[in-house]
Amino acid sequence: MTAETLITARAENEAAIERLKTAKSSDTWGTGYEELRMLTIV
């Protein structure tokens, strides 16, 4: 596993934690499918 992969995973996890904090504070629980997501398979 490269450092770049770990950096990307960390950024994605930190973003998910922020979304969780927002959902919890506003009591609005989205599905995660409200916007188009592009996934890249390496």
C-alpha atoms as a PDB file:
ATOM      1  CA  MET A   1       0.000   0.000   0.000  1.00  0.00           C
ATOM      2  CA  THR A   2       1.448   3.328  -1.019  1.00  0.00           C
ATOM      3  CA  ALA A   3       1.563   6.518   1.016  1.00  0.00           C
ATOM      4  CA  GLU A   4      -0.716   8.138  -1.570  1.00  0.00           C
ATOM      5  CA  THR A   5      -3.352   5.433  -1.018  1.00  0.00           C
ATOM      6  CA  LEU A   6      -3.220   5.979   2.731  1.00  0.00           C
ATOM      7  CA  ILE A   7      -3.480   9.748   2.339  1.00  0.00           C
ATOM      8  CA  THR A   8      -6.520   9.353   0.081  1.00  0.00           C
ATOM      9  CA  ALA A   9      -8.176   6.915   2.483  1.00  0.00           C
ATOM     10  CA  ARG A  10      -7.528   9.240   5.411  1.00  0.00           C
ATOM     11  CA  ALA A  11      -9.066  12.202   3.577  1.00  0.00           C
ATOM     12  CA  GLU A  12     -12.140  10.139   2.665  1.00  0.00           C
ATOM     13  CA  ASN A  13     -12.523   8.950   6.273  1.00  0.00           C
ATOM     14  CA  GLU A  14     -12.143  12.465   7.667  1.00  0.00           C
ATOM     15  CA  ALA A  15     -14.802  13.711   5.236  1.00  0.00           C
ATOM     16  CA  ALA A  16     -17.129  10.885   6.316  1.00  0.00           C
ATOM     17  CA  ILE A  17     -16.620  11.802   9.976  1.00  0.00           C
ATOM     18  CA  GLU A  18     -17.511  15.423   9.218  1.00  0.00           C
ATOM     19  CA  ARG A  19     -20.670  14.301   7.394  1.00  0.00           C
ATOM     20  CA  LEU A  20     -21.576  12.165  10.409  1.00  0.00           C
ATOM     21  CA  LYS A  21     -21.075  15.100  12.789  1.00  0.00           C
ATOM     22  CA  THR A  22     -23.279  17.301  10.596  1.00  0.00           C
ATOM     23  CA  ALA A  23     -25.988  14.648  10.357  1.00  0.00           C
ATOM     24  CA  LYS A  24     -25.958  14.073  14.098  1.00  0.00           C
ATOM     25  CA  SER A  25     -26.111  17.769  14.980  1.00  0.00           C
ATOM     26  CA  SER A  26     -28.921  18.520  12.509  1.00  0.00           C
ATOM     27  CA  ASP A  27     -30.711  15.169  12.965  1.00  0.00           C
ATOM     28  CA  THR A  28     -30.784  14.844   9.173  1.00  0.00           C
ATOM     29  CA  TRP A  29     -29.626  11.440   8.006  1.00  0.00           C
ATOM     30  CA  GLY A  30     -29.003  11.362   4.270  1.00  0.00           C
ATOM     31  CA  THR A  31     -28.663   8.174   2.285  1.00  0.00           C
ATOM     32  CA  GLY A  32     -25.327   9.099   0.740  1.00  0.00           C
ATOM     33  CA  TYR A  33     -26.908   8.977  -2.701  1.00  0.00           C
ATOM     34  CA  GLU A  34     -28.125  12.584  -2.839  1.00  0.00           C
ATOM     35  CA  GLU A  35     -25.313  13.474  -5.208  1.00  0.00           C
ATOM     36  CA  LEU A  36     -23.432  11.653  -7.937  1.00  0.00           C
ATOM     37  CA  ARG A  37     -20.283   9.909  -6.707  1.00  0.00           C
ATOM     38  CA  MET A  38     -17.483   8.817  -9.009  1.00  0.00           C
ATOM     39  CA  LEU A  39     -15.526   5.797  -7.824  1.00  0.00           C
ATOM     40  CA  THR A  40     -12.122   4.964  -9.215  1.00  0.00           C
ATOM     41  CA  ILE A  41     -10.979   1.349  -9.117  1.00  0.00           C
ATOM     42  CA  VAL A  42      -7.231   1.010  -9.101  1.00  0.00           C
END
